[in-house]
C-alpha atoms as a PDB file:
ATOM      1  CA  MET A   1      -3.366  21.895  -6.866  1.00  0.00           C
ATOM      2  CA  ILE A   2      -6.028  21.418  -4.184  1.00  0.00           C
ATOM      3  CA  ASP A   3      -8.488  23.444  -6.248  1.00  0.00           C
ATOM      4  CA  VAL A   4      -7.961  21.142  -9.220  1.00  0.00           C
ATOM      5  CA  LEU A   5      -8.486  18.066  -7.049  1.00  0.00           C
ATOM      6  CA  THR A   6     -11.687  19.450  -5.524  1.00  0.00           C
ATOM      7  CA  THR A   7     -13.025  20.320  -8.978  1.00  0.00           C
ATOM      8  CA  LEU A   8     -12.226  16.859 -10.311  1.00  0.00           C
ATOM      9  CA  ALA A   9     -13.721  15.183  -7.241  1.00  0.00           C
ATOM     10  CA  ALA A  10     -16.929  17.207  -7.595  1.00  0.00           C
ATOM     11  CA  ALA A  11     -17.213  16.479 -11.334  1.00  0.00           C
ATOM     12  CA  ALA A  12     -16.588  12.740 -11.004  1.00  0.00           C
ATOM     13  CA  PRO A  13     -19.511  10.438 -11.728  1.00  0.00           C
ATOM     14  CA  GLY A  14     -21.225   9.412  -8.527  1.00  0.00           C
ATOM     15  CA  ALA A  15     -19.727  12.294  -6.546  1.00  0.00           C
ATOM     16  CA  ALA A  16     -21.783  14.027  -3.896  1.00  0.00           C
ATOM     17  CA  SER A  17     -23.805  16.919  -5.261  1.00  0.00           C
ATOM     18  CA  SER A  18     -22.406  19.288  -2.632  1.00  0.00           C
ATOM     19  CA  GLY A  19     -18.901  18.974  -4.100  1.00  0.00           C
ATOM     20  CA  ALA A  20     -17.414  17.755  -0.815  1.00  0.00           C
ATOM     21  CA  PHE A  21     -14.775  15.079  -0.664  1.00  0.00           C
ATOM     22  CA  ASN A  22     -16.245  11.679  -0.216  1.00  0.00           C
ATOM     23  CA  GLY A  23     -14.768   8.671   1.515  1.00  0.00           C
ATOM     24  CA  ASN A  24     -13.627   7.049  -1.718  1.00  0.00           C
ATOM     25  CA  PHE A  25     -11.290   9.922  -2.519  1.00  0.00           C
ATOM     26  CA  ALA A  26      -9.787   9.892   0.978  1.00  0.00           C
ATOM     27  CA  LEU A  27      -9.345   6.137   0.802  1.00  0.00           C
ATOM     28  CA  GLY A  28      -7.607   6.384  -2.577  1.00  0.00           C
ATOM     29  CA  VAL A  29      -5.178   9.048  -1.407  1.00  0.00           C
ATOM     30  CA  ALA A  30      -4.411   7.191   1.830  1.00  0.00           C
ATOM     31  CA  GLY A  31      -3.939   3.908  -0.030  1.00  0.00           C
ATOM     32  CA  ALA A  32      -1.541   5.499  -2.482  1.00  0.00           C
ATOM     33  CA  GLY A  33       0.376   7.161   0.356  1.00  0.00           C
ATOM     34  CA  ALA A  34       0.607   3.909   2.288  1.00  0.00           C
ATOM     35  CA  GLY A  35       1.859   2.087  -0.802  1.00  0.00           C
ATOM     36  CA  ILE A  36       4.537   4.677  -1.428  1.00  0.00           C
ATOM     37  CA  GLY A  37       5.529   4.607   2.256  1.00  0.00           C
ATOM     38  CA  LEU A  38       5.839   0.825   2.291  1.00  0.00           C
ATOM     39  CA  GLY A  39       7.984   0.915  -0.819  1.00  0.00           C
ATOM     40  CA  LEU A  40      10.295   3.512   0.676  1.00  0.00           C
ATOM     41  CA  ILE A  41      10.627   1.574   3.918  1.00  0.00           C
ATOM     42  CA  GLY A  42      11.426  -1.637   2.051  1.00  0.00           C
ATOM     43  CA  MET A  43      13.957   0.131  -0.154  1.00  0.00           C
ATOM     44  CA  ALA A  44      15.696   1.734   2.813  1.00  0.00           C
ATOM     45  CA  ALA A  45      15.798  -1.568   4.699  1.00  0.00           C
ATOM     46  CA  ALA A  46      17.313  -3.378   1.711  1.00  0.00           C
ATOM     47  CA  GLN A  47      19.956  -0.670   1.321  1.00  0.00           C
ATOM     48  CA  ALA A  48      20.754  -0.750   5.037  1.00  0.00           C
ATOM     49  CA  VAL A  49      21.198  -4.531   5.030  1.00  0.00           C
ATOM     50  CA  GLY A  50      23.393  -4.222   1.949  1.00  0.00           C
ATOM     51  CA  ARG A  51      25.629  -1.760   3.747  1.00  0.00           C
ATOM     52  CA  ASN A  52      25.773  -3.663   7.036  1.00  0.00           C
ATOM     53  CA  PRO A  53      24.633  -7.295   6.781  1.00  0.00           C
ATOM     54  CA  SER A  54      25.424  -8.026  10.425  1.00  0.00           C
ATOM     55  CA  ALA A  55      22.659  -5.607  11.547  1.00  0.00           C
ATOM     56  CA  PHE A  56      19.955  -7.586   9.722  1.00  0.00           C
ATOM     57  CA  GLY A  57      17.918  -8.372  12.850  1.00  0.00           C
ATOM     58  CA  ASN A  58      17.761  -4.787  14.076  1.00  0.00           C
ATOM     59  CA  ILE A  59      16.944  -3.459  10.615  1.00  0.00           C
ATOM     60  CA  LEU A  60      14.201  -6.062  10.179  1.00  0.00           C
ATOM     61  CA  THR A  61      12.599  -5.087  13.480  1.00  0.00           C
ATOM     62  CA  ILE A  62      12.628  -1.377  12.694  1.00  0.00           C
ATOM     63  CA  GLY A  63      11.343  -2.041   9.162  1.00  0.00           C
ATOM     64  CA  ILE A  64       8.415  -4.116  10.393  1.00  0.00           C
ATOM     65  CA  ILE A  65       7.435  -1.417  12.901  1.00  0.00           C
ATOM     66  CA  GLY A  66       7.626   1.253  10.190  1.00  0.00           C
ATOM     67  CA  MET A  67       5.547  -0.819   7.782  1.00  0.00           C
ATOM     68  CA  ALA A  68       2.917  -1.425  10.453  1.00  0.00           C
ATOM     69  CA  LEU A  69       2.632   2.316  11.092  1.00  0.00           C
ATOM     70  CA  ALA A  70       2.302   3.023   7.360  1.00  0.00           C
ATOM     71  CA  GLU A  71      -0.421   0.381   7.036  1.00  0.00           C
ATOM     72  CA  ALA A  72      -2.267   1.882  10.001  1.00  0.00           C
ATOM     73  CA  ILE A  73      -2.783   5.094   8.027  1.00  0.00           C
ATOM     74  CA  ALA A  74      -4.577   3.159   5.276  1.00  0.00           C
ATOM     75  CA  ILE A  75      -6.704   1.329   7.839  1.00  0.00           C
ATOM     76  CA  TYR A  76      -7.718   4.625   9.493  1.00  0.00           C
ATOM     77  CA  ALA A  77      -8.706   6.008   6.070  1.00  0.00           C
ATOM     78  CA  PHE A  78     -10.749   2.870   5.374  1.00  0.00           C
ATOM     79  CA  ILE A  79     -12.630   3.343   8.649  1.00  0.00           C
ATOM     80  CA  MET A  80     -13.232   7.032   7.833  1.00  0.00           C
ATOM     81  CA  ALA A  81     -14.481   6.095   4.344  1.00  0.00           C
ATOM     82  CA  LEU A  82     -17.000   3.684   5.846  1.00  0.00           C
ATOM     83  CA  GLN A  83     -18.338   6.353   8.184  1.00  0.00           C
ATOM     84  CA  GLY A  84     -18.472   9.127   5.571  1.00  0.00           C
END
């Protein structure tokens, strides 16, 4: 799977001639991962509140912390893409 991704990244228009990953690819993968992570956190929080509505405050706090950590991954990838 990695070989296919490296081949596609090297053959993409505007890709570096050396065939190395560029910052745009890393940013796309990190953005997709962060989006999936945020969706999973939101889904789990909604299910948890549905099962135990009295724990809403605790679940909200844990959900916000988890979402902030997932967003941090995308921000780190954005910084790496700017430097690369």
